[in-house]
Amino acid sequence: MPRERRRRLRAQPLIHLVPNIFTVLSLCAGLTSIRYALDHRYELAVILIILAGVLDGLDGRSARLLKITSKLGAELDSLADFLSFGVAPAILVYLWSLNQVKTVGWALALLFATCCALRLARFNTELEEPDQPAWKSRFFTGMPAPAAAGCAIIPLLMAFALQADWPQAWALNAAFMVCVALLMVSRIPTFSIKTVLVRVKPEWILPTLIFVGLFVAALSSAPWHTLLAVGVLYLASLPLGWWSAYRLRHRHDRTGADQPATARNGSRIVSLGGPRSAERTSSADRS
């Protein structure tokens, strides 16, 4: 029997670890959010979930810029997403509101986390079907996990922004949890923000920079109101996303001129730290 050769790990430049570093930081932010929720420091818990979403976007973007591939990165990203956007928001909302009806509230928290896990698992299986129409790369299938986490904590943002107690009502939070959980596992197409923002036309460069400046100013002066407005605008975009996908699908079925969405190879399986749920659908696409 020939002696098996040991496969030695070659030294890698430190910059090649940047996508994984972002993923680990996202995981740590989600886990720390749970710690602050247990301490009833809910504002910090919310901030850390939002920070996890930002880091989750940076890991895929850095992976595509560096053109790094890794199976480890894909698996690590899915695990970090489940913790930061499935478990952490569920526990946060339960401790803040749903524990008023302990049995039902915990069941809803389990439902949210389970739907998040199912969404991530479904996306990983869909990566094995690369021959999809190109128009599909512009949309996520269902609500992406980071967006779902942000929508689940909208009642907390309302309470912080309005300085009111009524958003803490368990019925309101239960409705948000159920609706968002079902949207995650649904087949409803939603806009892929990273596909929309991947290129900016020359005439839109200056308005984009002005908008970014205004957004940062609003975020620094009224953070909870700004984040709440972002969440409400995202929810308002869901019907528009469905309608846009319907029109593109109808056009494709009528003309048959669309090409396979080979850009799906830009997924995290091909780009370390890259997109994870339908979020990772194209090379000119998400995160």
Protein backbone atom coordinates (compact mmCIF):
# COMPACT_ATOMS: atom_id res chain seq x y z
CA MET A 1 0.00 0.00 0.00
CA PRO A 2 1.44 3.37 -0.94
CA ARG A 3 2.05 5.57 2.03
CA GLU A 4 -0.49 8.37 2.25
CA ARG A 5 0.98 11.79 1.95
CA ARG A 6 0.03 14.35 4.52
CA ARG A 7 -1.49 17.42 3.05
CA ARG A 8 0.32 20.39 4.54
CA LEU A 9 -1.45 23.68 4.94
CA ARG A 10 0.37 26.38 3.08
CA ALA A 11 0.90 29.76 4.67
CA GLN A 12 -1.65 32.32 3.52
CA PRO A 13 -1.27 36.10 3.33
CA LEU A 14 -3.04 37.78 6.22
CA ILE A 15 -5.24 39.71 3.81
CA HIS A 16 -6.79 36.42 2.67
CA LEU A 17 -8.27 36.04 6.15
CA VAL A 18 -10.13 39.35 6.00
CA PRO A 19 -13.47 37.85 4.84
CA ASN A 20 -13.34 35.21 7.57
CA ILE A 21 -12.42 37.86 10.13
CA PHE A 22 -15.55 39.82 9.21
CA THR A 23 -17.62 36.65 9.53
CA VAL A 24 -16.20 35.84 12.97
CA LEU A 25 -16.79 39.43 14.11
CA SER A 26 -20.39 39.14 12.91
CA LEU A 27 -20.81 35.94 14.91
CA CYS A 28 -19.30 37.57 18.00
CA ALA A 29 -21.60 40.58 17.62
CA GLY A 30 -24.65 38.31 17.50
CA LEU A 31 -23.54 36.32 20.52
CA THR A 32 -22.75 39.48 22.49
CA SER A 33 -26.19 40.79 21.61
CA ILE A 34 -27.66 37.79 23.45
CA ARG A 35 -25.49 38.61 26.48
CA TYR A 36 -26.77 42.20 26.62
CA ALA A 37 -30.35 41.03 26.13
CA LEU A 38 -29.96 38.78 29.16
CA ASP A 39 -28.72 41.83 31.08
CA HIS A 40 -31.78 43.81 29.89
CA ARG A 41 -29.57 46.28 28.04
CA TYR A 42 -31.77 46.15 24.97
CA GLU A 43 -30.42 49.17 23.14
CA LEU A 44 -26.93 47.69 23.02
CA ALA A 45 -28.38 44.35 21.98
CA VAL A 46 -30.16 45.97 19.03
CA ILE A 47 -27.04 47.89 17.99
CA LEU A 48 -25.00 44.70 17.97
CA ILE A 49 -27.51 42.88 15.74
CA ILE A 50 -27.38 45.78 13.29
CA LEU A 51 -23.58 45.72 13.48
CA ALA A 52 -23.64 42.00 12.70
CA GLY A 53 -25.64 42.78 9.57
CA VAL A 54 -23.07 45.35 8.45
CA LEU A 55 -20.20 42.92 9.03
CA ASP A 56 -22.10 40.20 7.19
CA GLY A 57 -22.27 42.47 4.16
CA LEU A 58 -18.57 43.29 4.35
CA ASP A 59 -17.40 39.67 4.41
CA GLY A 60 -18.83 38.80 1.00
CA ARG A 61 -17.86 42.11 -0.54
CA SER A 62 -14.25 41.73 0.61
CA ALA A 63 -14.19 38.12 -0.62
CA ARG A 64 -15.20 39.13 -4.13
CA LEU A 65 -12.74 42.01 -4.20
CA LEU A 66 -9.93 39.69 -3.10
CA LYS A 67 -11.16 36.83 -5.35
CA ILE A 68 -10.84 34.28 -2.58
CA THR A 69 -12.56 30.89 -2.59
CA SER A 70 -13.13 28.66 0.41
CA LYS A 71 -15.63 25.99 1.45
CA LEU A 72 -14.76 26.85 5.05
CA GLY A 73 -15.89 30.42 4.49
CA ALA A 74 -19.25 29.30 3.14
CA GLU A 75 -19.97 27.01 6.10
CA LEU A 76 -18.74 29.55 8.65
CA ASP A 77 -20.93 32.24 7.09
CA SER A 78 -24.07 30.12 7.35
CA LEU A 79 -23.41 29.27 10.99
CA ALA A 80 -22.72 32.91 11.85
CA ASP A 81 -25.89 34.00 10.07
CA PHE A 82 -28.02 31.50 11.96
CA LEU A 83 -26.69 32.72 15.29
CA SER A 84 -26.71 36.46 14.57
CA PHE A 85 -29.96 36.69 12.57
CA GLY A 86 -31.90 33.66 13.77
CA VAL A 87 -31.09 32.98 17.40
CA ALA A 88 -30.09 36.44 18.66
CA PRO A 89 -33.23 38.33 17.46
CA ALA A 90 -35.49 35.52 18.70
CA ILE A 91 -34.01 35.61 22.20
CA LEU A 92 -33.94 39.42 22.25
CA VAL A 93 -37.62 39.78 21.34
CA TYR A 94 -38.58 36.99 23.74
CA LEU A 95 -36.79 38.61 26.70
CA TRP A 96 -38.11 42.07 25.81
CA SER A 97 -41.75 41.22 25.14
CA LEU A 98 -42.79 37.65 24.40
CA ASN A 99 -41.97 36.38 27.89
CA GLN A 100 -45.25 37.97 28.93
CA VAL A 101 -46.82 34.80 27.50
CA LYS A 102 -44.02 32.41 28.23
CA THR A 103 -45.18 29.24 26.47
CA VAL A 104 -46.56 30.92 23.36
CA GLY A 105 -43.73 33.45 23.30
CA TRP A 106 -41.04 30.80 23.40
CA ALA A 107 -42.83 28.84 20.67
CA LEU A 108 -42.74 31.95 18.46
CA ALA A 109 -39.03 32.43 19.17
CA LEU A 110 -38.43 28.81 18.16
CA LEU A 111 -40.48 29.35 15.01
CA PHE A 112 -38.38 32.35 14.00
CA ALA A 113 -35.05 30.57 14.58
CA THR A 114 -36.25 27.44 12.79
CA CYS A 115 -37.43 29.38 9.74
CA CYS A 116 -34.07 31.14 9.59
CA ALA A 117 -32.26 27.78 9.63
CA LEU A 118 -34.57 26.43 6.92
CA ARG A 119 -33.94 29.48 4.77
CA LEU A 120 -30.18 29.09 4.98
CA ALA A 121 -30.42 25.35 4.27
CA ARG A 122 -32.66 25.98 1.26
CA PHE A 123 -30.24 28.47 -0.20
CA ASN A 124 -27.31 26.08 0.17
CA THR A 125 -29.22 23.47 -1.82
CA GLU A 126 -30.22 26.01 -4.48
CA LEU A 127 -26.55 26.72 -5.14
CA GLU A 128 -26.41 23.33 -6.87
CA GLU A 129 -28.86 24.61 -9.52
CA PRO A 130 -26.80 27.22 -11.39
CA ASP A 131 -28.90 27.28 -14.60
CA GLN A 132 -31.37 29.91 -13.50
CA PRO A 133 -32.69 32.84 -15.56
CA ALA A 134 -30.53 35.92 -15.22
CA TRP A 135 -33.40 38.04 -13.91
CA LYS A 136 -33.50 35.92 -10.76
CA SER A 137 -30.08 37.22 -9.74
CA ARG A 138 -31.72 40.60 -9.02
CA PHE A 139 -33.91 39.15 -6.29
CA PHE A 140 -33.77 37.07 -3.14
CA THR A 141 -36.16 34.19 -2.70
CA GLY A 142 -38.04 35.24 0.41
CA MET A 143 -36.76 37.72 2.95
CA PRO A 144 -32.98 37.52 3.53
CA ALA A 145 -31.87 36.65 7.04
CA PRO A 146 -30.25 40.01 7.95
CA ALA A 147 -33.33 41.89 6.76
CA ALA A 148 -35.54 39.47 8.70
CA ALA A 149 -33.58 40.16 11.87
CA GLY A 150 -33.98 43.89 11.31
CA CYS A 151 -37.73 43.59 10.71
CA ALA A 152 -38.19 41.42 13.80
CA ILE A 153 -36.78 44.17 16.02
CA ILE A 154 -38.86 46.99 14.49
CA PRO A 155 -41.09 47.13 17.62
CA LEU A 156 -37.97 47.74 19.71
CA LEU A 157 -36.92 50.54 17.34
CA MET A 158 -40.41 52.01 17.69
CA ALA A 159 -40.16 51.93 21.47
CA PHE A 160 -36.73 53.59 21.44
CA ALA A 161 -37.69 56.22 18.87
CA LEU A 162 -41.09 57.13 20.29
CA GLN A 163 -40.15 56.67 23.95
CA ALA A 164 -43.36 54.68 24.40
CA ASP A 165 -44.32 51.42 26.07
CA TRP A 166 -47.08 50.24 23.74
CA PRO A 167 -44.66 48.69 21.15
CA GLN A 168 -43.69 46.23 23.90
CA ALA A 169 -47.13 44.59 23.71
CA TRP A 170 -46.65 40.88 23.15
CA ALA A 171 -49.39 40.68 20.48
CA LEU A 172 -47.61 43.22 18.27
CA ASN A 173 -44.27 41.47 18.62
CA ALA A 174 -45.87 38.08 18.02
CA ALA A 175 -47.40 39.35 14.78
CA PHE A 176 -44.02 40.65 13.60
CA MET A 177 -42.26 37.40 14.48
CA VAL A 178 -44.79 35.20 12.69
CA CYS A 179 -44.99 37.35 9.56
CA VAL A 180 -41.21 37.73 9.24
CA ALA A 181 -40.61 34.02 9.89
CA LEU A 182 -43.06 33.06 7.15
CA LEU A 183 -41.54 35.59 4.75
CA MET A 184 -38.12 34.02 5.26
CA VAL A 185 -39.27 30.60 4.08
CA SER A 186 -41.67 31.92 1.43
CA ARG A 187 -40.99 32.00 -2.31
CA ILE A 188 -41.81 35.70 -2.52
CA PRO A 189 -39.07 37.57 -4.46
CA THR A 190 -37.54 40.54 -2.68
CA PHE A 191 -35.07 43.10 -3.99
CA SER A 192 -31.38 42.29 -3.77
CA ILE A 193 -30.01 45.57 -2.45
CA LYS A 194 -26.44 44.67 -3.29
CA THR A 195 -27.35 43.99 -6.89
CA VAL A 196 -29.06 47.37 -7.11
CA LEU A 197 -26.06 49.16 -5.61
CA VAL A 198 -23.30 47.26 -7.40
CA ARG A 199 -23.03 49.91 -10.14
CA VAL A 200 -23.85 53.61 -10.06
CA LYS A 201 -24.44 55.52 -13.27
CA PRO A 202 -22.24 58.63 -13.71
CA GLU A 203 -25.20 61.00 -13.40
CA TRP A 204 -26.14 59.38 -10.08
CA ILE A 205 -22.73 59.61 -8.42
CA LEU A 206 -23.20 63.08 -6.92
CA PRO A 207 -26.79 62.45 -5.69
CA THR A 208 -25.62 59.18 -4.17
CA LEU A 209 -22.83 60.88 -2.24
CA ILE A 210 -25.26 63.57 -1.04
CA PHE A 211 -27.73 60.90 0.09
CA VAL A 212 -25.00 59.04 1.99
CA GLY A 213 -23.98 62.25 3.75
CA LEU A 214 -27.58 63.00 4.71
CA PHE A 215 -28.10 59.44 5.91
CA VAL A 216 -25.01 59.56 8.13
CA ALA A 217 -26.12 62.92 9.52
CA ALA A 218 -29.57 61.56 10.31
CA LEU A 219 -28.10 58.41 11.83
CA SER A 220 -25.85 60.41 14.12
CA SER A 221 -28.52 62.90 15.22
CA ALA A 222 -31.57 60.61 15.45
CA PRO A 223 -30.35 57.00 15.19
CA TRP A 224 -33.52 55.22 16.31
CA HIS A 225 -35.81 57.29 14.08
CA THR A 226 -33.49 56.73 11.12
CA LEU A 227 -33.25 52.98 11.64
CA LEU A 228 -37.00 52.77 12.09
CA ALA A 229 -37.51 54.66 8.81
CA VAL A 230 -35.16 52.25 7.03
CA GLY A 231 -37.13 49.28 8.35
CA VAL A 232 -40.47 50.76 7.31
CA LEU A 233 -39.16 51.61 3.83
CA TYR A 234 -37.88 48.07 3.41
CA LEU A 235 -41.26 46.62 4.33
CA ALA A 236 -42.89 49.01 1.87
CA SER A 237 -40.55 47.76 -0.89
CA LEU A 238 -41.74 44.15 -0.59
CA PRO A 239 -44.82 44.54 -2.84
CA LEU A 240 -42.74 46.50 -5.36
CA GLY A 241 -40.14 43.72 -5.45
CA TRP A 242 -42.80 41.09 -6.06
CA TRP A 243 -44.31 43.15 -8.87
CA SER A 244 -40.93 43.75 -10.54
CA ALA A 245 -40.08 40.04 -10.39
CA TYR A 246 -43.49 39.18 -11.83
CA ARG A 247 -42.93 41.49 -14.80
CA LEU A 248 -39.43 40.14 -15.50
CA ARG A 249 -40.61 36.55 -15.24
CA HIS A 250 -43.48 37.26 -17.60
CA ARG A 251 -41.12 38.92 -20.09
CA HIS A 252 -38.73 35.97 -19.88
CA ASP A 253 -41.52 33.44 -20.41
CA ARG A 254 -42.80 35.43 -23.37
CA THR A 255 -39.51 36.09 -25.18
CA GLY A 256 -37.23 33.36 -23.88
CA ALA A 257 -34.35 35.78 -24.50
CA ASP A 258 -32.94 35.65 -21.00
CA GLN A 259 -29.68 33.84 -20.37
CA PRO A 260 -28.87 31.48 -17.50
CA ALA A 261 -27.80 33.31 -14.38
CA THR A 262 -24.25 32.00 -14.44
CA ALA A 263 -23.42 34.91 -12.18
CA ARG A 264 -24.65 32.71 -9.35
CA ASN A 265 -21.07 31.43 -9.30
CA GLY A 266 -20.32 34.56 -7.30
CA SER A 267 -21.91 32.87 -4.31
CA ARG A 268 -20.00 32.26 -1.17
CA ILE A 269 -19.20 28.74 -2.29
CA VAL A 270 -17.03 30.44 -4.89
CA SER A 271 -16.21 33.56 -2.87
CA LEU A 272 -15.05 33.14 0.67
CA GLY A 273 -17.19 35.22 2.93
CA GLY A 274 -19.64 35.81 0.10
CA PRO A 275 -23.43 35.86 0.04
CA ARG A 276 -25.29 33.27 1.99
CA SER A 277 -28.99 33.09 1.37
CA ALA A 278 -30.52 34.18 -1.87
CA GLU A 279 -28.44 37.12 -0.92
CA ARG A 280 -25.52 35.48 -2.68
CA THR A 281 -27.09 35.07 -6.04
CA SER A 282 -24.74 36.78 -8.44
CA SER A 283 -21.14 37.81 -8.90
CA ALA A 284 -22.27 41.37 -9.40
CA ASP A 285 -24.50 40.83 -6.45
CA ARG A 286 -24.67 40.71 -2.80
CA SER A 287 -22.55 40.48 0.06
